[in-house]
């Protein structure tokens, strides 16, 4: 949040809860400065557009390999 770098908006808390549930443990997200986010988005493997209309509902996820259990 501009001017409030330590504040976590409700939409991000909801996504964090889902990530933690999927992982079975806390997997904290990190924040990124607004314009750095825009630059990172330009280099993304893919962009998924959702119907989310709340502010700060944009996320960048890192693609990787998931090893077998």
PDB file of N, CA and C in Angstrom:
ATOM      1  N   UNK A   1       0.862  -1.169   0.000  1.00  0.00           N
ATOM      2  CA  UNK A   1       0.000   0.000   0.000  1.00  0.00           C
ATOM      3  C   UNK A   1       0.901   1.222   0.000  1.00  0.00           C
ATOM      4  N   UNK A   2       0.636   2.143  -0.891  1.00  0.00           N
ATOM      5  CA  UNK A   2       1.457   3.340  -1.008  1.00  0.00           C
ATOM      6  C   UNK A   2       1.458   4.084   0.322  1.00  0.00           C
ATOM      7  N   UNK A   3       2.630   4.330   0.857  1.00  0.00           N
ATOM      8  CA  UNK A   3       2.781   5.045   2.118  1.00  0.00           C
ATOM      9  C   UNK A   3       2.580   4.186   3.354  1.00  0.00           C
ATOM     10  N   UNK A   4       2.196   2.931   3.185  1.00  0.00           N
ATOM     11  CA  UNK A   4       1.971   2.018   4.311  1.00  0.00           C
ATOM     12  C   UNK A   4       2.544   0.645   3.962  1.00  0.00           C
ATOM     13  N   UNK A   5       3.859   0.545   3.850  1.00  0.00           N
ATOM     14  CA  UNK A   5       4.473  -0.696   3.362  1.00  0.00           C
ATOM     15  C   UNK A   5       4.261  -1.921   4.252  1.00  0.00           C
ATOM     16  N   UNK A   6       3.928  -1.723   5.519  1.00  0.00           N
ATOM     17  CA  UNK A   6       3.749  -2.864   6.421  1.00  0.00           C
ATOM     18  C   UNK A   6       2.290  -3.284   6.591  1.00  0.00           C
ATOM     19  N   UNK A   7       1.370  -2.574   5.951  1.00  0.00           N
ATOM     20  CA  UNK A   7      -0.051  -2.900   6.058  1.00  0.00           C
ATOM     21  C   UNK A   7      -0.420  -3.969   5.033  1.00  0.00           C
ATOM     22  N   UNK A   8      -1.202  -4.954   5.467  1.00  0.00           N
ATOM     23  CA  UNK A   8      -1.621  -6.037   4.577  1.00  0.00           C
ATOM     24  C   UNK A   8      -3.131  -5.925   4.369  1.00  0.00           C
ATOM     25  N   UNK A   9      -3.566  -5.651   3.134  1.00  0.00           N
ATOM     26  CA  UNK A   9      -4.997  -5.510   2.877  1.00  0.00           C
ATOM     27  C   UNK A   9      -5.736  -6.850   2.954  1.00  0.00           C
ATOM     28  N   UNK A  10      -7.057  -6.815   3.185  1.00  0.00           N
ATOM     29  CA  UNK A  10      -7.845  -8.050   3.322  1.00  0.00           C
ATOM     30  C   UNK A  10      -7.690  -9.027   2.153  1.00  0.00           C
ATOM     31  N   UNK A  11      -7.662  -8.544   0.925  1.00  0.00           N
ATOM     32  CA  UNK A  11      -7.543  -9.446  -0.226  1.00  0.00           C
ATOM     33  C   UNK A  11      -6.236 -10.237  -0.160  1.00  0.00           C
ATOM     34  N   UNK A  12      -5.170  -9.621   0.306  1.00  0.00           N
ATOM     35  CA  UNK A  12      -3.898 -10.328   0.407  1.00  0.00           C
ATOM     36  C   UNK A  12      -3.911 -11.317   1.571  1.00  0.00           C
ATOM     37  N   UNK A  13      -4.599 -10.977   2.653  1.00  0.00           N
ATOM     38  CA  UNK A  13      -4.729 -11.914   3.773  1.00  0.00           C
ATOM     39  C   UNK A  13      -5.486 -13.167   3.331  1.00  0.00           C
ATOM     40  N   UNK A  14      -6.506 -12.986   2.499  1.00  0.00           N
ATOM     41  CA  UNK A  14      -7.285 -14.126   2.000  1.00  0.00           C
ATOM     42  C   UNK A  14      -6.425 -15.041   1.130  1.00  0.00           C
ATOM     43  N   UNK A  15      -5.631 -14.461   0.248  1.00  0.00           N
ATOM     44  CA  UNK A  15      -4.757 -15.261  -0.619  1.00  0.00           C
ATOM     45  C   UNK A  15      -3.701 -15.966   0.222  1.00  0.00           C
ATOM     46  N   UNK A  16      -3.144 -15.279   1.211  1.00  0.00           N
ATOM     47  CA  UNK A  16      -2.143 -15.891   2.090  1.00  0.00           C
ATOM     48  C   UNK A  16      -2.739 -17.106   2.801  1.00  0.00           C
ATOM     49  N   UNK A  17      -3.976 -16.990   3.265  1.00  0.00           N
ATOM     50  CA  UNK A  17      -4.647 -18.093   3.950  1.00  0.00           C
ATOM     51  C   UNK A  17      -4.783 -19.306   3.026  1.00  0.00           C
ATOM     52  N   UNK A  18      -5.131 -19.080   1.764  1.00  0.00           N
ATOM     53  CA  UNK A  18      -5.280 -20.178   0.798  1.00  0.00           C
ATOM     54  C   UNK A  18      -3.939 -20.828   0.477  1.00  0.00           C
ATOM     55  N   UNK A  19      -2.903 -20.023   0.342  1.00  0.00           N
ATOM     56  CA  UNK A  19      -1.562 -20.562   0.074  1.00  0.00           C
ATOM     57  C   UNK A  19      -1.102 -21.421   1.241  1.00  0.00           C
ATOM     58  N   UNK A  20      -1.268 -20.914   2.459  1.00  0.00           N
ATOM     59  CA  UNK A  20      -0.863 -21.667   3.648  1.00  0.00           C
ATOM     60  C   UNK A  20      -1.628 -22.989   3.753  1.00  0.00           C
ATOM     61  N   UNK A  21      -2.927 -22.958   3.444  1.00  0.00           N
ATOM     62  CA  UNK A  21      -3.735 -24.180   3.502  1.00  0.00           C
ATOM     63  C   UNK A  21      -3.265 -25.188   2.457  1.00  0.00           C
ATOM     64  N   UNK A  22      -2.961 -24.730   1.262  1.00  0.00           N
ATOM     65  CA  UNK A  22      -2.503 -25.619   0.196  1.00  0.00           C
ATOM     66  C   UNK A  22      -1.142 -26.229   0.519  1.00  0.00           C
ATOM     67  N   UNK A  23      -0.277 -25.454   1.144  1.00  0.00           N
ATOM     68  CA  UNK A  23       1.060 -25.932   1.486  1.00  0.00           C
ATOM     69  C   UNK A  23       1.076 -26.753   2.771  1.00  0.00           C
ATOM     70  N   UNK A  24       0.067 -26.548   3.623  1.00  0.00           N
ATOM     71  CA  UNK A  24       0.041 -27.241   4.907  1.00  0.00           C
ATOM     72  C   UNK A  24       0.965 -26.621   5.930  1.00  0.00           C
ATOM     73  N   UNK A  25       1.449 -25.443   5.633  1.00  0.00           N
ATOM     74  CA  UNK A  25       2.343 -24.710   6.539  1.00  0.00           C
ATOM     75  C   UNK A  25       2.371 -23.255   6.083  1.00  0.00           C
ATOM     76  N   UNK A  26       2.810 -22.364   6.956  1.00  0.00           N
ATOM     77  CA  UNK A  26       2.925 -20.957   6.537  1.00  0.00           C
ATOM     78  C   UNK A  26       3.947 -20.800   5.409  1.00  0.00           C
ATOM     79  N   UNK A  27       3.578 -20.083   4.389  1.00  0.00           N
ATOM     80  CA  UNK A  27       4.454 -19.806   3.248  1.00  0.00           C
ATOM     81  C   UNK A  27       4.310 -18.324   2.953  1.00  0.00           C
ATOM     82  N   UNK A  28       5.007 -17.485   3.733  1.00  0.00           N
ATOM     83  CA  UNK A  28       4.769 -16.040   3.658  1.00  0.00           C
ATOM     84  C   UNK A  28       5.081 -15.425   2.299  1.00  0.00           C
ATOM     85  N   UNK A  29       4.206 -14.515   1.913  1.00  0.00           N
ATOM     86  CA  UNK A  29       4.422 -13.738   0.702  1.00  0.00           C
ATOM     87  C   UNK A  29       5.308 -12.547   1.054  1.00  0.00           C
ATOM     88  N   UNK A  30       5.908 -11.960   0.047  1.00  0.00           N
ATOM     89  CA  UNK A  30       6.687 -10.741   0.249  1.00  0.00           C
ATOM     90  C   UNK A  30       6.015  -9.612  -0.519  1.00  0.00           C
ATOM     91  N   UNK A  31       6.264  -8.407  -0.075  1.00  0.00           N
ATOM     92  CA  UNK A  31       5.713  -7.261  -0.798  1.00  0.00           C
ATOM     93  C   UNK A  31       6.750  -6.755  -1.793  1.00  0.00           C
ATOM     94  N   UNK A  32       6.272  -6.032  -2.760  1.00  0.00           N
ATOM     95  CA  UNK A  32       7.151  -5.467  -3.773  1.00  0.00           C
ATOM     96  C   UNK A  32       6.632  -4.076  -4.118  1.00  0.00           C
ATOM     97  N   UNK A  33       7.526  -3.179  -4.357  1.00  0.00           N
ATOM     98  CA  UNK A  33       7.165  -1.800  -4.683  1.00  0.00           C
ATOM     99  C   UNK A  33       6.349  -1.782  -5.972  1.00  0.00           C
ATOM    100  N   UNK A  34       5.417  -0.879  -6.050  1.00  0.00           N
ATOM    101  CA  UNK A  34       4.444  -0.806  -7.149  1.00  0.00           C
ATOM    102  C   UNK A  34       5.069  -0.880  -8.543  1.00  0.00           C
ATOM    103  N   UNK A  35       6.039  -0.024  -8.817  1.00  0.00           N
ATOM    104  CA  UNK A  35       6.625   0.011 -10.161  1.00  0.00           C
ATOM    105  C   UNK A  35       7.525  -1.198 -10.415  1.00  0.00           C
ATOM    106  N   UNK A  36       8.115  -1.742  -9.371  1.00  0.00           N
ATOM    107  CA  UNK A  36       8.885  -2.977  -9.520  1.00  0.00           C
ATOM    108  C   UNK A  36       7.946  -4.128  -9.888  1.00  0.00           C
ATOM    109  N   UNK A  37       6.734  -4.109  -9.331  1.00  0.00           N
ATOM    110  CA  UNK A  37       5.723  -5.110  -9.687  1.00  0.00           C
ATOM    111  C   UNK A  37       5.373  -5.007 -11.165  1.00  0.00           C
ATOM    112  N   UNK A  38       5.204  -3.797 -11.654  1.00  0.00           N
ATOM    113  CA  UNK A  38       4.878  -3.607 -13.074  1.00  0.00           C
ATOM    114  C   UNK A  38       5.992  -4.161 -13.963  1.00  0.00           C
ATOM    115  N   UNK A  39       7.233  -3.906 -13.594  1.00  0.00           N
ATOM    116  CA  UNK A  39       8.366  -4.412 -14.378  1.00  0.00           C
ATOM    117  C   UNK A  39       8.418  -5.939 -14.340  1.00  0.00           C
ATOM    118  N   UNK A  40       8.193  -6.499 -13.168  1.00  0.00           N
ATOM    119  CA  UNK A  40       8.202  -7.960 -13.044  1.00  0.00           C
ATOM    120  C   UNK A  40       7.082  -8.568 -13.891  1.00  0.00           C
ATOM    121  N   UNK A  41       5.943  -7.907 -13.925  1.00  0.00           N
ATOM    122  CA  UNK A  41       4.799  -8.400 -14.703  1.00  0.00           C
ATOM    123  C   UNK A  41       5.103  -8.448 -16.196  1.00  0.00           C
ATOM    124  N   UNK A  42       5.892  -7.495 -16.673  1.00  0.00           N
ATOM    125  CA  UNK A  42       6.251  -7.470 -18.096  1.00  0.00           C
ATOM    126  C   UNK A  42       7.051  -8.702 -18.501  1.00  0.00           C
ATOM    127  N   UNK A  43       7.778  -9.299 -17.546  1.00  0.00           N
ATOM    128  CA  UNK A  43       8.638 -10.442 -17.829  1.00  0.00           C
ATOM    129  C   UNK A  43       7.989 -11.770 -17.432  1.00  0.00           C
ATOM    130  N   UNK A  44       6.723 -11.737 -17.061  1.00  0.00           N
ATOM    131  CA  UNK A  44       6.043 -12.926 -16.548  1.00  0.00           C
ATOM    132  C   UNK A  44       5.877 -13.998 -17.618  1.00  0.00           C
ATOM    133  N   UNK A  45       5.899 -15.238 -17.189  1.00  0.00           N
ATOM    134  CA  UNK A  45       5.638 -16.378 -18.068  1.00  0.00           C
ATOM    135  C   UNK A  45       4.205 -16.307 -18.591  1.00  0.00           C
ATOM    136  N   UNK A  46       3.287 -15.964 -17.711  1.00  0.00           N
ATOM    137  CA  UNK A  46       1.894 -15.784 -18.110  1.00  0.00           C
ATOM    138  C   UNK A  46       1.213 -14.832 -17.129  1.00  0.00           C
ATOM    139  N   UNK A  47       0.105 -14.284 -17.552  1.00  0.00           N
ATOM    140  CA  UNK A  47      -0.698 -13.406 -16.707  1.00  0.00           C
ATOM    141  C   UNK A  47      -2.099 -13.997 -16.664  1.00  0.00           C
ATOM    142  N   UNK A  48      -2.635 -14.139 -15.466  1.00  0.00           N
ATOM    143  CA  UNK A  48      -3.984 -14.666 -15.296  1.00  0.00           C
ATOM    144  C   UNK A  48      -4.866 -13.516 -14.837  1.00  0.00           C
ATOM    145  N   UNK A  49      -5.869 -13.211 -15.637  1.00  0.00           N
ATOM    146  CA  UNK A  49      -6.784 -12.132 -15.293  1.00  0.00           C
ATOM    147  C   UNK A  49      -8.000 -12.725 -14.598  1.00  0.00           C
ATOM    148  N   UNK A  50      -8.323 -12.194 -13.429  1.00  0.00           N
ATOM    149  CA  UNK A  50      -9.484 -12.672 -12.677  1.00  0.00           C
ATOM    150  C   UNK A  50     -10.527 -11.565 -12.604  1.00  0.00           C
ATOM    151  N   UNK A  51     -11.607 -11.838 -11.950  1.00  0.00           N
ATOM    152  CA  UNK A  51     -12.651 -10.831 -11.774  1.00  0.00           C
ATOM    153  C   UNK A  51     -12.473 -10.012 -10.509  1.00  0.00           C
ATOM    154  N   UNK A  52     -11.325 -10.155  -9.841  1.00  0.00           N
ATOM    155  CA  UNK A  52     -11.079  -9.419  -8.594  1.00  0.00           C
ATOM    156  C   UNK A  52     -11.084  -7.929  -8.862  1.00  0.00           C
ATOM    157  N   UNK A  53     -11.893  -7.201  -8.097  1.00  0.00           N
ATOM    158  CA  UNK A  53     -12.015  -5.761  -8.313  1.00  0.00           C
ATOM    159  C   UNK A  53     -11.454  -4.937  -7.152  1.00  0.00           C
ATOM    160  N   UNK A  54     -11.038  -5.596  -6.078  1.00  0.00           N
ATOM    161  CA  UNK A  54     -10.507  -4.849  -4.932  1.00  0.00           C
ATOM    162  C   UNK A  54      -9.098  -4.355  -5.222  1.00  0.00           C
ATOM    163  N   UNK A  55      -8.749  -3.232  -4.610  1.00  0.00           N
ATOM    164  CA  UNK A  55      -7.391  -2.719  -4.723  1.00  0.00           C
ATOM    165  C   UNK A  55      -6.417  -3.721  -4.113  1.00  0.00           C
ATOM    166  N   UNK A  56      -5.215  -3.762  -4.643  1.00  0.00           N
ATOM    167  CA  UNK A  56      -4.128  -4.615  -4.160  1.00  0.00           C
ATOM    168  C   UNK A  56      -4.448  -6.098  -4.314  1.00  0.00           C
ATOM    169  N   UNK A  57      -5.258  -6.437  -5.308  1.00  0.00           N
ATOM    170  CA  UNK A  57      -5.594  -7.825  -5.585  1.00  0.00           C
ATOM    171  C   UNK A  57      -4.750  -8.418  -6.696  1.00  0.00           C
ATOM    172  N   UNK A  58      -3.599  -7.826  -6.975  1.00  0.00           N
ATOM    173  CA  UNK A  58      -2.685  -8.334  -8.010  1.00  0.00           C
ATOM    174  C   UNK A  58      -1.561  -9.108  -7.324  1.00  0.00           C
ATOM    175  N   UNK A  59      -1.217 -10.243  -7.890  1.00  0.00           N
ATOM    176  CA  UNK A  59      -0.193 -11.090  -7.295  1.00  0.00           C
ATOM    177  C   UNK A  59       0.746 -11.603  -8.370  1.00  0.00           C
ATOM    178  N   UNK A  60       1.988 -11.829  -8.003  1.00  0.00           N
ATOM    179  CA  UNK A  60       2.971 -12.450  -8.892  1.00  0.00           C
ATOM    180  C   UNK A  60       3.371 -13.771  -8.238  1.00  0.00           C
ATOM    181  N   UNK A  61       3.205 -14.857  -8.966  1.00  0.00           N
ATOM    182  CA  UNK A  61       3.572 -16.174  -8.463  1.00  0.00           C
ATOM    183  C   UNK A  61       4.743 -16.694  -9.274  1.00  0.00           C
ATOM    184  N   UNK A  62       5.667 -17.358  -8.616  1.00  0.00           N
ATOM    185  CA  UNK A  62       6.833 -17.905  -9.298  1.00  0.00           C
ATOM    186  C   UNK A  62       6.528 -19.317  -9.779  1.00  0.00           C
ATOM    187  N   UNK A  63       6.782 -19.548 -11.045  1.00  0.00           N
ATOM    188  CA  UNK A  63       6.601 -20.873 -11.649  1.00  0.00           C
ATOM    189  C   UNK A  63       7.808 -21.725 -11.293  1.00  0.00           C
ATOM    190  N   UNK A  64       7.564 -22.982 -10.986  1.00  0.00           N
ATOM    191  CA  UNK A  64       8.671 -23.856 -10.645  1.00  0.00           C
ATOM    192  C   UNK A  64       8.288 -25.312 -10.797  1.00  0.00           C
ATOM    193  N   UNK A  65       9.164 -26.163 -10.366  1.00  0.00           N
ATOM    194  CA  UNK A  65       8.952 -27.600 -10.460  1.00  0.00           C
ATOM    195  C   UNK A  65       8.454 -28.117  -9.116  1.00  0.00           C
ATOM    196  N   UNK A  66       7.439 -28.948  -9.161  1.00  0.00           N
ATOM    197  CA  UNK A  66       6.927 -29.583  -7.951  1.00  0.00           C
ATOM    198  C   UNK A  66       7.351 -31.045  -8.010  1.00  0.00           C
ATOM    199  N   UNK A  67       8.248 -31.460  -7.109  1.00  0.00           N
ATOM    200  CA  UNK A  67       8.717 -32.845  -7.149  1.00  0.00           C
ATOM    201  C   UNK A  67       7.620 -33.809  -6.692  1.00  0.00           C
ATOM    202  N   UNK A  68       7.680 -35.070  -7.130  1.00  0.00           N
ATOM    203  CA  UNK A  68       6.684 -36.051  -6.686  1.00  0.00           C
ATOM    204  C   UNK A  68       6.826 -36.323  -5.190  1.00  0.00           C
ATOM    205  N   UNK A  69       5.727 -36.749  -4.577  1.00  0.00           N
ATOM    206  CA  UNK A  69       5.761 -37.079  -3.137  1.00  0.00           C
ATOM    207  C   UNK A  69       6.524 -38.352  -2.888  1.00  0.00           C
TER     208      UNK A  69
END
